[in-house]
Amino acid sequence: SKGMSVTPAILSTQACRTLINHFSADHSEH
């Protein structure tokens, strides 16, 4: 199938934030 290409690209701010939260076990910076 097809996926998104490289820069330049437009991202949803909120979607990026939830992606970060997904990888954050304790919601800390590290």
PDB file of all heavy atoms in Angstrom:
ATOM      1  N   SER A   1       0.842  -1.204   0.000  1.00  0.00           N
ATOM      2  CA  SER A   1       0.000   0.000   0.000  1.00  0.00           C
ATOM      3  C   SER A   1       0.873   1.248   0.000  1.00  0.00           C
ATOM      4  O   SER A   1       2.103   1.177  -0.055  1.00  0.00           O
ATOM      5  CB  SER A   1      -0.932  -0.013   1.210  1.00  0.00           C
ATOM      6  OG  SER A   1      -0.182   0.010   2.416  1.00  0.00           O
ATOM      7  N   LYS A   2       0.234   2.393   0.083  1.00  0.00           N
ATOM      8  CA  LYS A   2       0.946   3.664   0.116  1.00  0.00           C
ATOM      9  C   LYS A   2       0.920   4.246   1.517  1.00  0.00           C
ATOM     10  O   LYS A   2      -0.003   4.029   2.291  1.00  0.00           O
ATOM     11  CB  LYS A   2       0.327   4.659  -0.873  1.00  0.00           C
ATOM     12  CG  LYS A   2       0.564   4.301  -2.331  1.00  0.00           C
ATOM     13  CD  LYS A   2       0.047   5.396  -3.245  1.00  0.00           C
ATOM     14  CE  LYS A   2       0.368   5.075  -4.705  1.00  0.00           C
ATOM     15  NZ  LYS A   2      -0.105   6.159  -5.615  1.00  0.00           N
ATOM     16  N   GLY A   3       1.980   5.003   1.828  1.00  0.00           N
ATOM     17  CA  GLY A   3       2.059   5.727   3.090  1.00  0.00           C
ATOM     18  C   GLY A   3       2.541   7.132   2.807  1.00  0.00           C
ATOM     19  O   GLY A   3       2.719   7.519   1.647  1.00  0.00           O
ATOM     20  N   MET A   4       2.790   7.899   3.860  1.00  0.00           N
ATOM     21  CA  MET A   4       3.189   9.286   3.642  1.00  0.00           C
ATOM     22  C   MET A   4       4.665   9.391   3.274  1.00  0.00           C
ATOM     23  O   MET A   4       5.484   8.565   3.665  1.00  0.00           O
ATOM     24  CB  MET A   4       2.856  10.141   4.850  1.00  0.00           C
ATOM     25  CG  MET A   4       3.693   9.938   6.084  1.00  0.00           C
ATOM     26  SD  MET A   4       3.120  10.974   7.462  1.00  0.00           S
ATOM     27  CE  MET A   4       3.338  12.637   6.800  1.00  0.00           C
ATOM     28  N   SER A   5       4.971  10.418   2.522  1.00  0.00           N
ATOM     29  CA  SER A   5       6.325  10.651   2.036  1.00  0.00           C
ATOM     30  C   SER A   5       7.119  11.473   3.047  1.00  0.00           C
ATOM     31  O   SER A   5       6.690  11.700   4.173  1.00  0.00           O
ATOM     32  CB  SER A   5       6.263  11.354   0.676  1.00  0.00           C
ATOM     33  OG  SER A   5       7.540  11.433   0.083  1.00  0.00           O
ATOM     34  N   VAL A   6       8.275  11.938   2.608  1.00  0.00           N
ATOM     35  CA  VAL A   6       9.216  12.639   3.483  1.00  0.00           C
ATOM     36  C   VAL A   6       8.955  14.146   3.476  1.00  0.00           C
ATOM     37  O   VAL A   6       8.022  14.630   2.833  1.00  0.00           O
ATOM     38  CB  VAL A   6      10.664  12.345   3.049  1.00  0.00           C
ATOM     39  CG1 VAL A   6      10.991  10.878   3.248  1.00  0.00           C
ATOM     40  CG2 VAL A   6      10.883  12.734   1.570  1.00  0.00           C
ATOM     41  N   THR A   7       9.806  14.895   4.157  1.00  0.00           N
ATOM     42  CA  THR A   7       9.707  16.352   4.254  1.00  0.00           C
ATOM     43  C   THR A   7       9.747  16.991   2.861  1.00  0.00           C
ATOM     44  O   THR A   7      10.560  16.553   2.032  1.00  0.00           O
ATOM     45  CB  THR A   7      10.875  16.898   5.094  1.00  0.00           C
ATOM     46  OG1 THR A   7      10.905  16.202   6.339  1.00  0.00           O
ATOM     47  CG2 THR A   7      10.742  18.370   5.333  1.00  0.00           C
ATOM     48  N   PRO A   8       8.916  18.004   2.613  1.00  0.00           N
ATOM     49  CA  PRO A   8       7.989  18.685   3.509  1.00  0.00           C
ATOM     50  C   PRO A   8       6.718  17.871   3.743  1.00  0.00           C
ATOM     51  O   PRO A   8       6.214  17.204   2.845  1.00  0.00           O
ATOM     52  CB  PRO A   8       7.679  19.985   2.774  1.00  0.00           C
ATOM     53  CG  PRO A   8       7.846  19.639   1.329  1.00  0.00           C
ATOM     54  CD  PRO A   8       8.981  18.653   1.284  1.00  0.00           C
ATOM     55  N   ALA A   9       6.221  17.953   4.975  1.00  0.00           N
ATOM     56  CA  ALA A   9       5.022  17.219   5.354  1.00  0.00           C
ATOM     57  C   ALA A   9       4.246  18.031   6.374  1.00  0.00           C
ATOM     58  O   ALA A   9       4.825  18.819   7.128  1.00  0.00           O
ATOM     59  CB  ALA A   9       5.394  15.857   5.935  1.00  0.00           C
ATOM     60  N   ILE A  10       2.939  17.833   6.399  1.00  0.00           N
ATOM     61  CA  ILE A  10       2.078  18.531   7.350  1.00  0.00           C
ATOM     62  C   ILE A  10       1.566  17.516   8.362  1.00  0.00           C
ATOM     63  O   ILE A  10       1.029  16.467   7.982  1.00  0.00           O
ATOM     64  CB  ILE A  10       0.899  19.219   6.649  1.00  0.00           C
ATOM     65  CG1 ILE A  10       1.399  20.175   5.572  1.00  0.00           C
ATOM     66  CG2 ILE A  10       0.045  19.973   7.665  1.00  0.00           C
ATOM     67  CD1 ILE A  10       0.301  20.751   4.702  1.00  0.00           C
ATOM     68  N   LEU A  11       1.740  17.815   9.645  1.00  0.00           N
ATOM     69  CA  LEU A  11       1.339  16.916  10.710  1.00  0.00           C
ATOM     70  C   LEU A  11       0.273  17.558  11.589  1.00  0.00           C
ATOM     71  O   LEU A  11       0.254  18.780  11.777  1.00  0.00           O
ATOM     72  CB  LEU A  11       2.541  16.545  11.582  1.00  0.00           C
ATOM     73  CG  LEU A  11       3.763  15.940  10.879  1.00  0.00           C
ATOM     74  CD1 LEU A  11       4.847  15.625  11.906  1.00  0.00           C
ATOM     75  CD2 LEU A  11       3.387  14.699  10.094  1.00  0.00           C
ATOM     76  N   SER A  12      -0.592  16.727  12.135  1.00  0.00           N
ATOM     77  CA  SER A  12      -1.547  17.178  13.141  1.00  0.00           C
ATOM     78  C   SER A  12      -0.823  17.309  14.477  1.00  0.00           C
ATOM     79  O   SER A  12      -0.189  16.359  14.944  1.00  0.00           O
ATOM     80  CB  SER A  12      -2.701  16.180  13.272  1.00  0.00           C
ATOM     81  OG  SER A  12      -3.321  16.285  14.525  1.00  0.00           O
ATOM     82  N   THR A  13      -0.930  18.468  15.087  1.00  0.00           N
ATOM     83  CA  THR A  13      -0.281  18.699  16.372  1.00  0.00           C
ATOM     84  C   THR A  13      -0.814  17.749  17.430  1.00  0.00           C
ATOM     85  O   THR A  13      -0.045  17.135  18.187  1.00  0.00           O
ATOM     86  CB  THR A  13      -0.500  20.159  16.812  1.00  0.00           C
ATOM     87  OG1 THR A  13      -0.062  21.038  15.773  1.00  0.00           O
ATOM     88  CG2 THR A  13       0.252  20.466  18.104  1.00  0.00           C
ATOM     89  N   GLN A  14      -2.128  17.605  17.488  1.00  0.00           N
ATOM     90  CA  GLN A  14      -2.729  16.759  18.513  1.00  0.00           C
ATOM     91  C   GLN A  14      -2.395  15.291  18.296  1.00  0.00           C
ATOM     92  O   GLN A  14      -2.139  14.551  19.259  1.00  0.00           O
ATOM     93  CB  GLN A  14      -4.249  16.964  18.551  1.00  0.00           C
ATOM     94  CG  GLN A  14      -4.974  16.202  19.639  1.00  0.00           C
ATOM     95  CD  GLN A  14      -4.578  16.647  21.048  1.00  0.00           C
ATOM     96  OE1 GLN A  14      -3.850  17.616  21.220  1.00  0.00           O
ATOM     97  NE2 GLN A  14      -5.063  15.946  22.050  1.00  0.00           N
ATOM     98  N   ALA A  15      -2.367  14.831  17.049  1.00  0.00           N
ATOM     99  CA  ALA A  15      -2.016  13.442  16.779  1.00  0.00           C
ATOM    100  C   ALA A  15      -0.580  13.151  17.212  1.00  0.00           C
ATOM    101  O   ALA A  15      -0.292  12.079  17.758  1.00  0.00           O
ATOM    102  CB  ALA A  15      -2.207  13.123  15.299  1.00  0.00           C
ATOM    103  N   CYS A  16       0.327  14.095  16.993  1.00  0.00           N
ATOM    104  CA  CYS A  16       1.713  13.915  17.435  1.00  0.00           C
ATOM    105  C   CYS A  16       1.792  13.842  18.953  1.00  0.00           C
ATOM    106  O   CYS A  16       2.545  13.032  19.512  1.00  0.00           O
ATOM    107  CB  CYS A  16       2.585  15.060  16.933  1.00  0.00           C
ATOM    108  SG  CYS A  16       3.002  14.975  15.184  1.00  0.00           S
ATOM    109  N   ARG A  17       1.015  14.665  19.616  1.00  0.00           N
ATOM    110  CA  ARG A  17       1.034  14.644  21.082  1.00  0.00           C
ATOM    111  C   ARG A  17       0.529  13.306  21.622  1.00  0.00           C
ATOM    112  O   ARG A  17       1.083  12.769  22.590  1.00  0.00           O
ATOM    113  CB  ARG A  17       0.168  15.789  21.622  1.00  0.00           C
ATOM    114  CG  ARG A  17       0.753  17.175  21.371  1.00  0.00           C
ATOM    115  CD  ARG A  17      -0.192  18.253  21.877  1.00  0.00           C
ATOM    116  NE  ARG A  17       0.342  19.589  21.677  1.00  0.00           N
ATOM    117  CZ  ARG A  17      -0.302  20.706  22.030  1.00  0.00           C
ATOM    118  NH1 ARG A  17      -1.493  20.619  22.604  1.00  0.00           N
ATOM    119  NH2 ARG A  17       0.246  21.887  21.816  1.00  0.00           N
ATOM    120  N   THR A  18      -0.516  12.767  21.018  1.00  0.00           N
ATOM    121  CA  THR A  18      -1.019  11.474  21.503  1.00  0.00           C
ATOM    122  C   THR A  18      -0.046  10.347  21.179  1.00  0.00           C
ATOM    123  O   THR A  18       0.048   9.369  21.921  1.00  0.00           O
ATOM    124  CB  THR A  18      -2.407  11.164  20.903  1.00  0.00           C
ATOM    125  OG1 THR A  18      -2.323  11.083  19.471  1.00  0.00           O
ATOM    126  CG2 THR A  18      -3.418  12.225  21.285  1.00  0.00           C
ATOM    127  N   LEU A  19       0.698  10.489  20.079  1.00  0.00           N
ATOM    128  CA  LEU A  19       1.733   9.506  19.752  1.00  0.00           C
ATOM    129  C   LEU A  19       2.818   9.513  20.820  1.00  0.00           C
ATOM    130  O   LEU A  19       3.264   8.453  21.284  1.00  0.00           O
ATOM    131  CB  LEU A  19       2.328   9.826  18.380  1.00  0.00           C
ATOM    132  CG  LEU A  19       3.542   8.998  17.938  1.00  0.00           C
ATOM    133  CD1 LEU A  19       3.199   7.508  17.872  1.00  0.00           C
ATOM    134  CD2 LEU A  19       4.047   9.492  16.583  1.00  0.00           C
ATOM    135  N   ILE A  20       3.246  10.702  21.234  1.00  0.00           N
ATOM    136  CA  ILE A  20       4.233  10.809  22.312  1.00  0.00           C
ATOM    137  C   ILE A  20       3.695  10.152  23.581  1.00  0.00           C
ATOM    138  O   ILE A  20       4.401   9.390  24.262  1.00  0.00           O
ATOM    139  CB  ILE A  20       4.586  12.285  22.570  1.00  0.00           C
ATOM    140  CG1 ILE A  20       5.443  12.843  21.429  1.00  0.00           C
ATOM    141  CG2 ILE A  20       5.328  12.443  23.900  1.00  0.00           C
ATOM    142  CD1 ILE A  20       5.702  14.332  21.531  1.00  0.00           C
ATOM    143  N   ASN A  21       2.447  10.434  23.913  1.00  0.00           N
ATOM    144  CA  ASN A  21       1.850   9.859  25.124  1.00  0.00           C
ATOM    145  C   ASN A  21       1.803   8.340  25.064  1.00  0.00           C
ATOM    146  O   ASN A  21       1.955   7.659  26.081  1.00  0.00           O
ATOM    147  CB  ASN A  21       0.447  10.419  25.340  1.00  0.00           C
ATOM    148  CG  ASN A  21       0.465  11.871  25.778  1.00  0.00           C
ATOM    149  OD1 ASN A  21       1.467  12.367  26.271  1.00  0.00           O
ATOM    150  ND2 ASN A  21      -0.648  12.550  25.580  1.00  0.00           N
ATOM    151  N   HIS A  22       1.618   7.803  23.866  1.00  0.00           N
ATOM    152  CA  HIS A  22       1.575   6.353  23.706  1.00  0.00           C
ATOM    153  C   HIS A  22       2.892   5.719  24.141  1.00  0.00           C
ATOM    154  O   HIS A  22       2.899   4.623  24.728  1.00  0.00           O
ATOM    155  CB  HIS A  22       1.284   6.006  22.249  1.00  0.00           C
ATOM    156  CG  HIS A  22       1.441   4.551  21.930  1.00  0.00           C
ATOM    157  ND1 HIS A  22       0.525   3.595  22.310  1.00  0.00           N
ATOM    158  CD2 HIS A  22       2.432   3.878  21.271  1.00  0.00           C
ATOM    159  CE1 HIS A  22       0.927   2.405  21.906  1.00  0.00           C
ATOM    160  NE2 HIS A  22       2.086   2.542  21.271  1.00  0.00           N
ATOM    161  N   PHE A  23       3.999   6.384  23.841  1.00  0.00           N
ATOM    162  CA  PHE A  23       5.313   5.838  24.183  1.00  0.00           C
ATOM    163  C   PHE A  23       5.786   6.256  25.573  1.00  0.00           C
ATOM    164  O   PHE A  23       6.877   5.882  25.986  1.00  0.00           O
ATOM    165  CB  PHE A  23       6.349   6.277  23.147  1.00  0.00           C
ATOM    166  CG  PHE A  23       6.241   5.551  21.837  1.00  0.00           C
ATOM    167  CD1 PHE A  23       5.772   6.200  20.704  1.00  0.00           C
ATOM    168  CD2 PHE A  23       6.591   4.212  21.743  1.00  0.00           C
ATOM    169  CE1 PHE A  23       5.667   5.532  19.499  1.00  0.00           C
ATOM    170  CE2 PHE A  23       6.478   3.524  20.542  1.00  0.00           C
ATOM    171  CZ  PHE A  23       6.009   4.191  19.412  1.00  0.00           C
ATOM    172  N   SER A  24       4.994   7.034  26.259  1.00  0.00           N
ATOM    173  CA  SER A  24       5.392   7.542  27.566  1.00  0.00           C
ATOM    174  C   SER A  24       4.706   6.756  28.672  1.00  0.00           C
ATOM    175  O   SER A  24       3.542   6.983  28.991  1.00  0.00           O
ATOM    176  CB  SER A  24       5.028   9.026  27.677  1.00  0.00           C
ATOM    177  OG  SER A  24       5.417   9.543  28.914  1.00  0.00           O
ATOM    178  N   ALA A  25       5.449   5.851  29.282  1.00  0.00           N
ATOM    179  CA  ALA A  25       4.869   4.990  30.321  1.00  0.00           C
ATOM    180  C   ALA A  25       4.400   5.778  31.518  1.00  0.00           C
ATOM    181  O   ALA A  25       3.363   5.490  32.116  1.00  0.00           O
ATOM    182  CB  ALA A  25       5.886   3.932  30.740  1.00  0.00           C
ATOM    183  N   ASP A  26       5.167   6.792  31.908  1.00  0.00           N
ATOM    184  CA  ASP A  26       4.813   7.562  33.103  1.00  0.00           C
ATOM    185  C   ASP A  26       4.578   9.038  32.791  1.00  0.00           C
ATOM    186  O   ASP A  26       4.542   9.870  33.685  1.00  0.00           O
ATOM    187  CB  ASP A  26       5.903   7.439  34.161  1.00  0.00           C
ATOM    188  CG  ASP A  26       7.269   7.911  33.643  1.00  0.00           C
ATOM    189  OD1 ASP A  26       7.327   8.436  32.509  1.00  0.00           O
ATOM    190  OD2 ASP A  26       8.260   7.760  34.361  1.00  0.00           O
ATOM    191  N   HIS A  27       4.416   9.353  31.475  1.00  0.00           N
ATOM    192  CA  HIS A  27       4.159  10.722  31.028  1.00  0.00           C
ATOM    193  C   HIS A  27       5.282  11.692  31.393  1.00  0.00           C
ATOM    194  O   HIS A  27       5.077  12.897  31.490  1.00  0.00           O
ATOM    195  CB  HIS A  27       2.822  11.241  31.579  1.00  0.00           C
ATOM    196  CG  HIS A  27       1.654  10.409  31.163  1.00  0.00           C
ATOM    197  ND1 HIS A  27       1.145  10.439  29.880  1.00  0.00           N
ATOM    198  CD2 HIS A  27       0.925   9.499  31.845  1.00  0.00           C
ATOM    199  CE1 HIS A  27       0.133   9.592  29.786  1.00  0.00           C
ATOM    200  NE2 HIS A  27      -0.014   8.996  30.962  1.00  0.00           N
ATOM    201  N   SER A  28       6.473  11.162  31.584  1.00  0.00           N
ATOM    202  CA  SER A  28       7.609  12.029  31.887  1.00  0.00           C
ATOM    203  C   SER A  28       8.314  12.427  30.597  1.00  0.00           C
ATOM    204  O   SER A  28       8.102  11.833  29.538  1.00  0.00           O
ATOM    205  CB  SER A  28       8.601  11.307  32.794  1.00  0.00           C
ATOM    206  OG  SER A  28       9.277  10.282  32.087  1.00  0.00           O
ATOM    207  N   GLU A  29       9.159  13.417  30.703  1.00  0.00           N
ATOM    208  CA  GLU A  29       9.901  13.909  29.548  1.00  0.00           C
ATOM    209  C   GLU A  29      10.814  12.833  28.967  1.00  0.00           C
ATOM    210  O   GLU A  29      11.002  12.746  27.761  1.00  0.00           O
ATOM    211  CB  GLU A  29      10.736  15.128  29.951  1.00  0.00           C
ATOM    212  CG  GLU A  29      11.684  15.636  28.876  1.00  0.00           C
ATOM    213  CD  GLU A  29      10.963  16.107  27.624  1.00  0.00           C
ATOM    214  OE1 GLU A  29       9.948  16.799  27.753  1.00  0.00           O
ATOM    215  OE2 GLU A  29      11.425  15.762  26.512  1.00  0.00           O
ATOM    216  N   HIS A  30      11.365  11.995  29.839  1.00  0.00           N
ATOM    217  CA  HIS A  30      12.386  11.052  29.381  1.00  0.00           C
ATOM    218  C   HIS A  30      11.826   9.720  28.902  1.00  0.00           C
ATOM    219  O   HIS A  30      12.438   9.073  28.048  1.00  0.00           O
ATOM    220  CB  HIS A  30      13.396  10.797  30.519  1.00  0.00           C
ATOM    221  CG  HIS A  30      14.265  11.968  30.811  1.00  0.00           C
ATOM    222  ND1 HIS A  30      15.449  12.210  30.153  1.00  0.00           N
ATOM    223  CD2 HIS A  30      14.125  12.992  31.686  1.00  0.00           C
ATOM    224  CE1 HIS A  30      16.000  13.324  30.613  1.00  0.00           C
ATOM    225  NE2 HIS A  30      15.216  13.810  31.544  1.00  0.00           N
TER     226      HIS A  30
END
